[in-house]
Amino acid sequence: MGITKFFGQVSVIVLLLIGLAVSTVLGADEAAYAAHSGLNLEAIEVLDIQTAQRIGLLQNPNLMAASERVNQARERVRQAQAAYYPILSTEGSGQRIEISNNDGRNSGASRFIIDPRDRDDSTNVYRASVITAWTVFDGFRRHYDNARARFGEEENEASLMEARRLLLSAIADNYYVAQLALENIAIADADEEFNTRQLEEARARLRVGTGSLSDVLNFEVLVNRARSARNGFERDYRLAVIGLAALMGIEDAGLPDTVRLSALVPETEGDLAAPQDVDNIDYALDNRTDIQRDQSIVNQAEAGVGIARARFWPEIEFQASVDGERENGLQYEGDDFGSTVGVFLRYPLFTGGERRARLAEAKYLQNEAEDNLDATRIAVASEVREAIANVVTAQRELLLQRNNAILVQKNRDLVDKEFNAGQASLVRLNEAQRDLNQATSQLALARVGLRQTWKDLDVATGRILLPFEAP
């Protein structure tokens, strides 16, 4: 009855643990569902860049897969921690034994007195055991196993943050491409409006006999050219939005028709301020997620060296068991049980050099990880310096294009007045309008380019993650 009660209690505990695990999984799924169901793109009128990035962080399937790898690593930590606890297990068996008639018990004079056919030599043997084993000492292998598992979890967490960093960068790139397309659409609309006005005036002059048909045809061609340019920019916009929606994790890779992107805002003094080399490099070296990931790999390699060294130590294990054995029945009684207690020591004296080879391999792996970390740190510093140089260049380009656009606008307006007064040729007006289109397009490109270079600097330093960190 004691054994039955014991197994009954164990079953209850197991069922409770299973129920807890299931409820934990369901709770995580419900939390994820709640986060997704609270997102309603239909309610968004103007989609700004940070909102697009937040949606991507919630819904991008590649990011969700990386998050699941973190969960896997967390469970490997728990697996490693389990080695510190004793193992409790049960064993049971049932055997039917048929004793041979040639068995020693049938030898001698008794064999001639008792007919083997009159004797039942079969028996049923039932055994049940409860066994516990606990590793007392294993050369610190458990310590290093746990350390490697923890560093593995840190590596996966850093890899997840690295994936977030790259995703935020990709979303911003597509958003800026879409914004540039919108700016170019506005430029094409302005070009069409200007040439449409000129076309109407040319037709009016033709009707009164002061104009020419060639002027009318010229402006008709320019209107069509502006419309054609607009079609191309609209295509660029649609493609950028498709890429943006895909990165945001929207299932059909399309934004609702009611959603529009925000326009470019004026540049601030901060946008035109010079970035600091040392501060940005120091921040990147301390916070870049790929450096943190590679550092975790180095730490795992160091733990691997410790695991390899543990093989040179003896292993001591404590074992205890309660064993029951009964023949021809399952009704165990107190006399059917015995117990065993023991301490076991294992130490391989010779393994053919396998342990030394494993230790050497682990050290080489550590050296490789350290070299990769050094290479990553150098690459990060180089990336930050390049990003800073690009920001400075973009700032100068923006100032230049802004000043140039003002000059070209004044020149076009003067040529327009001269043309209407009959003092400038049609060719000169066409050139002035074409120059204005190019200048405004270059200005739009410079404005978007400045924002992209600042974004690239934030990506290079890792600051792009700051607005999305949990409070």
Protein backbone atom coordinates (compact mmCIF):
# COMPACT_ATOMS: atom_id res chain seq x y z
CA MET A 1 0.00 0.00 0.00
CA GLY A 2 2.91 2.34 0.69
CA ILE A 3 4.23 1.87 -2.86
CA THR A 4 0.78 2.47 -4.35
CA LYS A 5 0.38 5.65 -2.37
CA PHE A 6 3.83 6.79 -3.48
CA PHE A 7 3.10 6.24 -7.18
CA GLY A 8 -0.26 7.97 -6.81
CA GLN A 9 1.40 11.07 -5.37
CA VAL A 10 3.99 11.08 -8.13
CA SER A 11 1.22 10.89 -10.77
CA VAL A 12 -0.55 13.87 -9.23
CA ILE A 13 2.66 15.90 -9.24
CA VAL A 14 3.34 15.01 -12.87
CA LEU A 15 -0.19 16.02 -13.90
CA LEU A 16 0.17 19.32 -12.07
CA LEU A 17 3.46 20.04 -13.80
CA ILE A 18 1.99 19.23 -17.21
CA GLY A 19 -0.96 21.50 -16.51
CA LEU A 20 1.38 24.31 -15.48
CA ALA A 21 3.43 23.91 -18.66
CA VAL A 22 0.34 23.94 -20.87
CA SER A 23 -1.07 27.01 -19.15
CA THR A 24 2.27 28.77 -19.55
CA VAL A 25 2.32 28.07 -23.29
CA LEU A 26 -1.29 29.14 -23.70
CA GLY A 27 -0.59 32.28 -21.71
CA ALA A 28 2.28 33.20 -24.03
CA ASP A 29 0.09 32.60 -27.07
CA GLU A 30 -2.69 34.72 -25.59
CA ALA A 31 -0.23 37.52 -24.89
CA ALA A 32 1.03 37.41 -28.45
CA TYR A 33 -2.53 37.38 -29.77
CA ALA A 34 -3.43 40.35 -27.59
CA ALA A 35 -0.44 42.30 -28.89
CA HIS A 36 -1.42 41.58 -32.49
CA SER A 37 -5.15 42.09 -32.09
CA GLY A 38 -4.56 45.55 -30.62
CA LEU A 39 -2.99 46.63 -33.88
CA ASN A 40 -5.46 48.07 -36.39
CA LEU A 41 -3.97 49.53 -39.55
CA GLU A 42 -7.42 50.56 -40.71
CA ALA A 43 -7.52 53.10 -37.89
CA ILE A 44 -4.20 54.71 -38.93
CA GLU A 45 -4.45 57.65 -41.29
CA VAL A 46 -0.83 58.80 -41.33
CA LEU A 47 1.79 56.09 -40.86
CA ASP A 48 4.96 57.62 -39.46
CA ILE A 49 8.27 55.82 -39.54
CA GLN A 50 8.36 54.81 -35.86
CA THR A 51 4.86 53.35 -36.02
CA ALA A 52 5.89 51.31 -39.06
CA GLN A 53 8.93 50.08 -37.16
CA ARG A 54 6.89 49.16 -34.09
CA ILE A 55 4.49 47.14 -36.22
CA GLY A 56 7.44 45.38 -37.83
CA LEU A 57 8.89 44.50 -34.44
CA LEU A 58 5.56 42.93 -33.47
CA GLN A 59 4.68 41.09 -36.65
CA ASN A 60 7.75 40.36 -38.78
CA PRO A 61 7.88 36.53 -39.01
CA ASN A 62 11.68 36.37 -39.23
CA LEU A 63 11.88 38.32 -35.99
CA MET A 64 9.32 36.04 -34.38
CA ALA A 65 11.42 33.03 -35.42
CA ALA A 66 14.48 34.64 -33.79
CA SER A 67 12.42 35.14 -30.64
CA GLU A 68 11.60 31.43 -30.61
CA ARG A 69 15.33 30.66 -30.74
CA VAL A 70 15.73 32.71 -27.57
CA ASN A 71 13.02 30.59 -25.94
CA GLN A 72 14.86 27.45 -27.01
CA ALA A 73 18.09 28.73 -25.49
CA ARG A 74 16.27 29.57 -22.26
CA GLU A 75 15.06 25.99 -22.02
CA ARG A 76 18.61 24.72 -22.60
CA VAL A 77 19.65 26.72 -19.55
CA ARG A 78 17.00 24.92 -17.52
CA GLN A 79 18.21 21.60 -18.87
CA ALA A 80 21.74 22.40 -17.73
CA GLN A 81 20.52 23.50 -14.29
CA ALA A 82 18.78 20.15 -13.85
CA ALA A 83 22.17 18.45 -13.53
CA TYR A 84 22.56 19.93 -10.01
CA TYR A 85 19.52 18.02 -8.76
CA PRO A 86 19.31 14.34 -7.90
CA ILE A 87 17.57 12.03 -10.33
CA LEU A 88 14.63 10.04 -9.03
CA SER A 89 13.44 7.17 -11.17
CA THR A 90 11.42 3.99 -10.90
CA GLU A 91 11.96 0.61 -12.44
CA GLY A 92 9.67 -2.35 -12.65
CA SER A 93 9.73 -5.73 -14.30
CA GLY A 94 7.81 -8.97 -14.50
CA GLN A 95 9.42 -12.21 -15.55
CA ARG A 96 8.28 -15.76 -16.05
CA ILE A 97 11.09 -18.22 -15.47
CA GLU A 98 11.01 -21.79 -16.68
CA ILE A 99 13.74 -23.83 -14.93
CA SER A 100 15.48 -26.44 -17.05
CA ASN A 101 15.08 -30.09 -16.06
CA ASN A 102 18.88 -30.32 -16.31
CA ASP A 103 19.23 -27.70 -13.56
CA GLY A 104 21.50 -28.68 -10.70
CA ARG A 105 18.52 -29.00 -8.40
CA ASN A 106 17.42 -32.04 -10.40
CA SER A 107 20.79 -33.79 -10.23
CA GLY A 108 21.89 -36.57 -7.97
CA ALA A 109 19.78 -39.22 -6.28
CA SER A 110 16.74 -36.99 -6.13
CA ARG A 111 16.53 -37.15 -9.88
CA PHE A 112 15.71 -40.81 -9.66
CA ILE A 113 13.23 -40.35 -6.81
CA ILE A 114 11.12 -37.49 -8.20
CA ASP A 115 9.80 -37.53 -11.73
CA PRO A 116 10.46 -34.08 -13.30
CA ARG A 117 7.08 -34.26 -14.99
CA ASP A 118 5.43 -34.27 -11.58
CA ARG A 119 7.17 -31.02 -10.53
CA ASP A 120 6.29 -27.39 -11.61
CA ASP A 121 9.63 -25.66 -12.29
CA SER A 122 8.13 -22.34 -13.48
CA THR A 123 7.90 -19.18 -11.43
CA ASN A 124 6.78 -15.54 -11.88
CA VAL A 125 9.15 -12.91 -10.51
CA TYR A 126 8.06 -9.29 -10.02
CA ARG A 127 10.51 -6.52 -9.22
CA ALA A 128 9.95 -2.85 -8.40
CA SER A 129 12.56 -0.26 -7.49
CA VAL A 130 12.75 3.42 -6.61
CA ILE A 131 16.24 4.74 -7.40
CA THR A 132 17.87 8.06 -6.70
CA ALA A 133 21.25 9.17 -8.02
CA TRP A 134 23.08 12.40 -7.39
CA THR A 135 26.37 13.52 -8.86
CA VAL A 136 28.44 14.80 -5.95
CA PHE A 137 31.44 15.95 -7.99
CA ASP A 138 32.14 15.95 -11.73
CA GLY A 139 35.20 18.16 -12.09
CA PHE A 140 33.04 21.33 -12.33
CA ARG A 141 31.50 20.11 -15.59
CA ARG A 142 28.01 21.12 -14.45
CA HIS A 143 29.26 24.62 -13.64
CA TYR A 144 30.69 25.07 -17.12
CA ASP A 145 27.70 23.42 -18.76
CA ASN A 146 25.45 25.96 -17.05
CA ALA A 147 27.77 28.80 -17.98
CA ARG A 148 27.82 27.75 -21.62
CA ALA A 149 24.03 27.44 -21.66
CA ARG A 150 23.62 30.91 -20.11
CA PHE A 151 26.03 32.43 -22.58
CA GLY A 152 24.17 30.62 -25.34
CA GLU A 153 20.98 32.29 -24.17
CA GLU A 154 22.77 35.64 -24.16
CA GLU A 155 24.01 34.95 -27.69
CA ASN A 156 20.49 34.27 -28.92
CA GLU A 157 19.15 37.34 -27.15
CA ALA A 158 21.89 39.44 -28.76
CA SER A 159 21.12 37.82 -32.12
CA LEU A 160 17.47 38.75 -31.64
CA MET A 161 18.43 42.35 -30.91
CA GLU A 162 20.73 42.28 -33.93
CA ALA A 163 17.82 41.12 -36.07
CA ARG A 164 15.71 43.94 -34.61
CA ARG A 165 18.46 46.45 -35.44
CA LEU A 166 18.67 45.29 -39.05
CA LEU A 167 14.88 45.14 -39.41
CA LEU A 168 14.49 48.71 -38.13
CA SER A 169 17.12 49.80 -40.65
CA ALA A 170 15.40 48.01 -43.55
CA ILE A 171 11.99 49.47 -42.65
CA ALA A 172 13.50 52.97 -42.49
CA ASP A 173 15.19 52.50 -45.87
CA ASN A 174 11.92 51.53 -47.55
CA TYR A 175 10.09 54.35 -45.79
CA TYR A 176 12.60 56.93 -47.02
CA VAL A 177 12.45 55.54 -50.56
CA ALA A 178 8.68 55.94 -50.43
CA GLN A 179 9.01 59.49 -49.10
CA LEU A 180 11.45 60.37 -51.88
CA ALA A 181 8.98 59.00 -54.42
CA LEU A 182 6.25 61.21 -52.90
CA GLU A 183 8.54 64.24 -53.16
CA ASN A 184 9.25 63.43 -56.81
CA ILE A 185 5.54 62.99 -57.47
CA ALA A 186 4.98 66.48 -56.07
CA ILE A 187 7.77 67.84 -58.31
CA ALA A 188 6.22 66.17 -61.36
CA ASP A 189 2.83 67.63 -60.43
CA ALA A 190 4.38 71.11 -60.17
CA ASP A 191 6.08 70.60 -63.53
CA GLU A 192 2.81 69.52 -65.12
CA GLU A 193 0.98 72.47 -63.58
CA PHE A 194 3.56 74.95 -64.90
CA ASN A 195 3.56 73.51 -68.41
CA THR A 196 -0.24 73.25 -68.43
CA ARG A 197 -0.43 76.96 -67.64
CA GLN A 198 2.06 77.71 -70.37
CA LEU A 199 0.08 75.51 -72.77
CA GLU A 200 -3.13 77.42 -72.07
CA GLU A 201 -1.37 80.75 -72.65
CA ALA A 202 0.23 79.46 -75.87
CA ARG A 203 -3.17 78.35 -77.14
CA ALA A 204 -4.61 81.76 -76.26
CA ARG A 205 -1.82 83.51 -78.16
CA LEU A 206 -2.36 81.16 -81.11
CA ARG A 207 -6.07 82.02 -81.22
CA VAL A 208 -5.36 85.77 -81.40
CA GLY A 209 -2.58 85.29 -83.93
CA THR A 210 0.35 86.31 -81.71
CA GLY A 211 1.60 82.80 -80.98
CA SER A 212 2.75 79.78 -82.92
CA LEU A 213 1.60 76.17 -83.20
CA SER A 214 5.12 75.01 -82.34
CA ASP A 215 4.80 76.65 -78.90
CA VAL A 216 1.53 74.79 -78.31
CA LEU A 217 3.04 71.48 -79.36
CA ASN A 218 6.13 72.11 -77.24
CA PHE A 219 4.10 72.58 -74.06
CA GLU A 220 1.87 69.59 -74.88
CA VAL A 221 5.00 67.45 -75.06
CA LEU A 222 6.26 68.84 -71.77
CA VAL A 223 2.92 68.17 -70.07
CA ASN A 224 3.01 64.57 -71.27
CA ARG A 225 6.60 64.24 -70.13
CA ALA A 226 5.64 65.44 -66.65
CA ARG A 227 2.78 62.93 -66.53
CA SER A 228 5.10 60.14 -67.65
CA ALA A 229 7.59 61.06 -64.93
CA ARG A 230 4.76 61.00 -62.40
CA ASN A 231 3.80 57.49 -63.48
CA GLY A 232 7.35 56.33 -62.89
CA PHE A 233 7.48 57.91 -59.45
CA GLU A 234 4.12 56.38 -58.55
CA ARG A 235 5.53 52.98 -59.48
CA ASP A 236 8.54 53.65 -57.26
CA TYR A 237 6.20 54.58 -54.43
CA ARG A 238 4.06 51.46 -54.81
CA LEU A 239 7.11 49.20 -54.88
CA ALA A 240 8.55 50.88 -51.79
CA VAL A 241 5.24 50.51 -49.94
CA ILE A 242 5.05 46.82 -50.89
CA GLY A 243 8.52 46.26 -49.49
CA LEU A 244 7.63 48.28 -46.40
CA ALA A 245 4.47 46.26 -45.78
CA ALA A 246 6.36 42.98 -46.21
CA LEU A 247 8.95 44.06 -43.64
CA MET A 248 6.14 45.10 -41.30
CA GLY A 249 4.84 41.52 -41.47
CA ILE A 250 1.52 42.34 -43.13
CA GLU A 251 0.16 39.11 -44.59
CA ASP A 252 -0.82 40.38 -48.05
CA ALA A 253 2.21 42.74 -48.20
CA GLY A 254 -0.01 45.74 -48.78
CA LEU A 255 -1.08 48.77 -46.79
CA PRO A 256 -4.75 49.81 -46.74
CA ASP A 257 -5.65 52.50 -49.26
CA THR A 258 -6.64 54.79 -46.39
CA VAL A 259 -3.10 54.82 -44.98
CA ARG A 260 -0.65 57.44 -46.20
CA LEU A 261 2.92 58.15 -45.22
CA SER A 262 4.05 61.30 -43.48
CA ALA A 263 5.75 64.03 -45.50
CA LEU A 264 9.31 65.16 -44.98
CA VAL A 265 9.58 67.56 -42.07
CA PRO A 266 11.97 70.55 -42.13
CA GLU A 267 15.52 69.86 -41.01
CA THR A 268 16.43 70.86 -37.47
CA GLU A 269 19.65 72.30 -36.08
CA GLY A 270 20.45 68.85 -34.77
CA ASP A 271 20.21 67.41 -38.27
CA LEU A 272 22.88 69.86 -39.40
CA ALA A 273 25.12 69.50 -36.34
CA ALA A 274 28.42 67.66 -36.78
CA PRO A 275 28.46 64.15 -35.23
CA GLN A 276 31.23 63.30 -32.77
CA ASP A 277 33.64 60.53 -33.74
CA VAL A 278 34.82 59.36 -30.32
CA ASP A 279 31.43 59.40 -28.60
CA ASN A 280 29.76 57.44 -31.38
CA ILE A 281 32.53 54.85 -31.60
CA ASP A 282 32.61 54.34 -27.84
CA TYR A 283 28.84 53.94 -27.73
CA ALA A 284 28.91 51.45 -30.60
CA LEU A 285 31.65 49.34 -29.01
CA ASP A 286 29.65 49.19 -25.79
CA ASN A 287 26.20 48.63 -27.26
CA ARG A 288 26.35 47.04 -30.72
CA THR A 289 24.41 43.80 -30.57
CA ASP A 290 26.71 41.91 -32.94
CA ILE A 291 29.64 42.67 -30.61
CA GLN A 292 27.58 41.44 -27.67
CA ARG A 293 26.68 38.33 -29.65
CA ASP A 294 30.31 37.58 -30.50
CA GLN A 295 31.32 38.24 -26.89
CA SER A 296 28.79 35.62 -25.81
CA ILE A 297 30.31 33.19 -28.30
CA VAL A 298 33.75 33.84 -26.75
CA ASN A 299 32.29 33.19 -23.30
CA GLN A 300 30.75 29.95 -24.53
CA ALA A 301 34.11 28.89 -25.93
CA GLU A 302 35.76 29.62 -22.58
CA ALA A 303 33.15 27.48 -20.87
CA GLY A 304 33.87 24.77 -23.44
CA VAL A 305 37.51 24.78 -22.31
CA GLY A 306 36.31 24.26 -18.74
CA ILE A 307 34.11 21.37 -19.84
CA ALA A 308 37.06 19.75 -21.61
CA ARG A 309 39.23 20.16 -18.48
CA ALA A 310 36.54 18.52 -16.35
CA ARG A 311 37.29 15.22 -18.09
CA PHE A 312 40.63 15.12 -16.26
CA TRP A 313 38.85 14.96 -12.87
CA PRO A 314 37.18 11.96 -11.25
CA GLU A 315 33.41 11.76 -11.04
CA ILE A 316 31.75 10.89 -7.75
CA GLU A 317 28.12 9.79 -7.64
CA PHE A 318 25.85 8.86 -4.76
CA GLN A 319 23.17 6.25 -5.38
CA ALA A 320 20.41 4.83 -3.22
CA SER A 321 17.54 2.55 -4.06
CA VAL A 322 14.63 0.70 -2.52
CA ASP A 323 14.09 -2.62 -4.28
CA GLY A 324 11.18 -4.99 -3.97
CA GLU A 325 11.04 -8.53 -5.33
CA ARG A 326 8.29 -11.08 -5.03
CA GLU A 327 7.48 -14.37 -6.70
CA ASN A 328 4.09 -15.41 -7.99
CA GLY A 329 2.19 -12.33 -6.87
CA LEU A 330 2.02 -8.53 -6.75
CA GLN A 331 1.00 -8.23 -3.12
CA TYR A 332 4.27 -6.85 -1.75
CA GLU A 333 4.97 -7.11 1.96
CA GLY A 334 7.59 -5.53 4.12
CA ASP A 335 9.94 -8.48 3.87
CA ASP A 336 9.92 -8.21 0.07
CA PHE A 337 11.85 -4.90 0.15
CA GLY A 338 15.51 -4.19 0.51
CA SER A 339 17.65 -1.10 0.07
CA THR A 340 21.02 -0.20 -1.40
CA VAL A 341 23.21 2.80 -0.65
CA GLY A 342 26.51 3.45 -2.32
CA VAL A 343 29.08 6.00 -3.45
CA PHE A 344 30.74 5.38 -6.79
CA LEU A 345 33.93 6.91 -8.16
CA ARG A 346 34.84 6.81 -11.82
CA TYR A 347 38.11 7.99 -13.28
CA PRO A 348 39.43 6.89 -16.67
CA LEU A 349 43.16 6.30 -16.40
CA PHE A 350 43.86 6.24 -20.13
CA THR A 351 41.71 7.34 -23.07
CA GLY A 352 44.22 7.22 -25.92
CA GLY A 353 44.83 10.97 -25.79
CA GLU A 354 41.17 11.82 -26.42
CA ARG A 355 40.88 14.15 -23.42
CA ARG A 356 43.96 16.15 -24.38
CA ALA A 357 42.75 16.44 -27.96
CA ARG A 358 39.34 17.67 -26.78
CA LEU A 359 41.00 20.28 -24.57
CA ALA A 360 43.24 21.46 -27.41
CA GLU A 361 40.23 21.68 -29.75
CA ALA A 362 38.32 23.76 -27.18
CA LYS A 363 41.26 26.17 -26.83
CA TYR A 364 41.53 26.59 -30.59
CA LEU A 365 37.79 27.25 -30.72
CA GLN A 366 38.22 29.92 -28.07
CA ASN A 367 41.05 31.53 -30.05
CA GLU A 368 38.86 31.57 -33.17
CA ALA A 369 35.97 33.19 -31.27
CA GLU A 370 38.29 35.87 -29.85
CA ASP A 371 39.69 36.63 -33.30
CA ASN A 372 36.16 36.92 -34.69
CA LEU A 373 35.26 39.30 -31.86
CA ASP A 374 38.28 41.49 -32.63
CA ALA A 375 37.32 41.53 -36.31
CA THR A 376 33.75 42.53 -35.43
CA ARG A 377 34.92 45.38 -33.20
CA ILE A 378 37.17 46.70 -35.98
CA ALA A 379 34.34 46.41 -38.52
CA VAL A 380 31.97 48.26 -36.19
CA ALA A 381 34.44 51.12 -35.66
CA SER A 382 34.97 51.32 -39.41
CA GLU A 383 31.22 51.32 -40.05
CA VAL A 384 30.68 54.14 -37.55
CA ARG A 385 33.45 56.26 -39.06
CA GLU A 386 32.04 55.73 -42.57
CA ALA A 387 28.56 56.66 -41.35
CA ILE A 388 29.91 59.85 -39.75
CA ALA A 389 31.70 60.78 -42.98
CA ASN A 390 28.48 60.19 -44.92
CA VAL A 391 26.51 62.41 -42.53
CA VAL A 392 28.99 65.26 -42.94
CA THR A 393 28.90 64.89 -46.72
CA ALA A 394 25.09 64.77 -46.74
CA GLN A 395 24.91 67.92 -44.61
CA ARG A 396 27.14 69.80 -47.04
CA GLU A 397 25.19 68.45 -50.01
CA LEU A 398 21.88 69.54 -48.49
CA LEU A 399 23.11 73.11 -47.94
CA LEU A 400 24.48 73.21 -51.47
CA GLN A 401 21.32 71.85 -53.09
CA ARG A 402 19.09 74.10 -51.02
CA ASN A 403 21.00 77.19 -52.14
CA ASN A 404 21.10 75.92 -55.73
CA ALA A 405 17.34 75.29 -55.77
CA ILE A 406 16.71 78.88 -54.64
CA LEU A 407 18.91 80.22 -57.43
CA VAL A 408 17.36 78.02 -60.09
CA GLN A 409 13.85 78.94 -58.94
CA LYS A 410 14.65 82.66 -59.26
CA ASN A 411 16.17 82.10 -62.67
CA ARG A 412 13.17 80.13 -63.92
CA ASP A 413 10.77 82.80 -62.71
CA LEU A 414 12.80 85.52 -64.48
CA VAL A 415 12.94 83.56 -67.74
CA ASP A 416 9.20 82.91 -67.46
CA LYS A 417 8.50 86.63 -67.19
CA GLU A 418 10.87 87.38 -70.06
CA PHE A 419 9.25 84.72 -72.22
CA ASN A 420 5.77 86.10 -71.58
CA ALA A 421 7.13 89.56 -72.43
CA GLY A 422 8.66 88.26 -75.63
CA GLN A 423 12.21 88.83 -74.45
CA ALA A 424 13.29 85.16 -74.03
CA SER A 425 13.09 82.22 -76.38
CA LEU A 426 11.06 79.08 -75.89
CA VAL A 427 14.27 77.05 -75.76
CA ARG A 428 15.54 79.19 -72.87
CA LEU A 429 12.29 78.69 -70.96
CA ASN A 430 12.44 74.91 -71.51
CA GLU A 431 16.00 74.84 -70.21
CA ALA A 432 15.10 76.90 -67.16
CA GLN A 433 12.15 74.65 -66.32
CA ARG A 434 14.25 71.52 -66.82
CA ASP A 435 16.94 72.96 -64.57
CA LEU A 436 14.32 73.67 -61.90
CA ASN A 437 13.01 70.11 -62.05
CA GLN A 438 16.51 68.75 -61.65
CA ALA A 439 17.36 71.15 -58.84
CA THR A 440 14.21 70.37 -56.84
CA SER A 441 14.73 66.64 -57.40
CA GLN A 442 18.32 66.93 -56.19
CA LEU A 443 17.14 68.90 -53.17
CA ALA A 444 14.58 66.22 -52.31
CA LEU A 445 17.24 63.56 -52.72
CA ALA A 446 19.60 65.51 -50.47
CA ARG A 447 16.93 65.92 -47.78
CA VAL A 448 16.09 62.23 -47.80
CA GLY A 449 19.78 61.36 -48.08
CA LEU A 450 20.58 63.32 -44.92
CA ARG A 451 17.93 61.43 -43.00
CA GLN A 452 19.22 58.13 -44.35
CA THR A 453 22.79 58.91 -43.32
CA TRP A 454 21.66 59.83 -39.79
CA LYS A 455 19.69 56.60 -39.74
CA ASP A 456 22.76 54.69 -40.92
CA LEU A 457 24.77 56.27 -38.10
CA ASP A 458 22.11 55.24 -35.58
CA VAL A 459 22.22 51.72 -37.03
CA ALA A 460 26.02 51.66 -36.90
CA THR A 461 26.08 52.74 -33.24
CA GLY A 462 23.01 50.75 -32.21
CA ARG A 463 21.07 53.84 -31.12
CA ILE A 464 18.28 52.94 -33.51
CA LEU A 465 17.08 50.47 -30.85
CA LEU A 466 16.73 53.10 -28.09
CA PRO A 467 13.20 54.32 -28.91
CA PHE A 468 11.93 50.74 -28.80
CA GLU A 469 13.49 49.56 -25.54
CA ALA A 470 11.07 48.53 -22.83
CA PRO A 471 10.76 51.15 -20.09
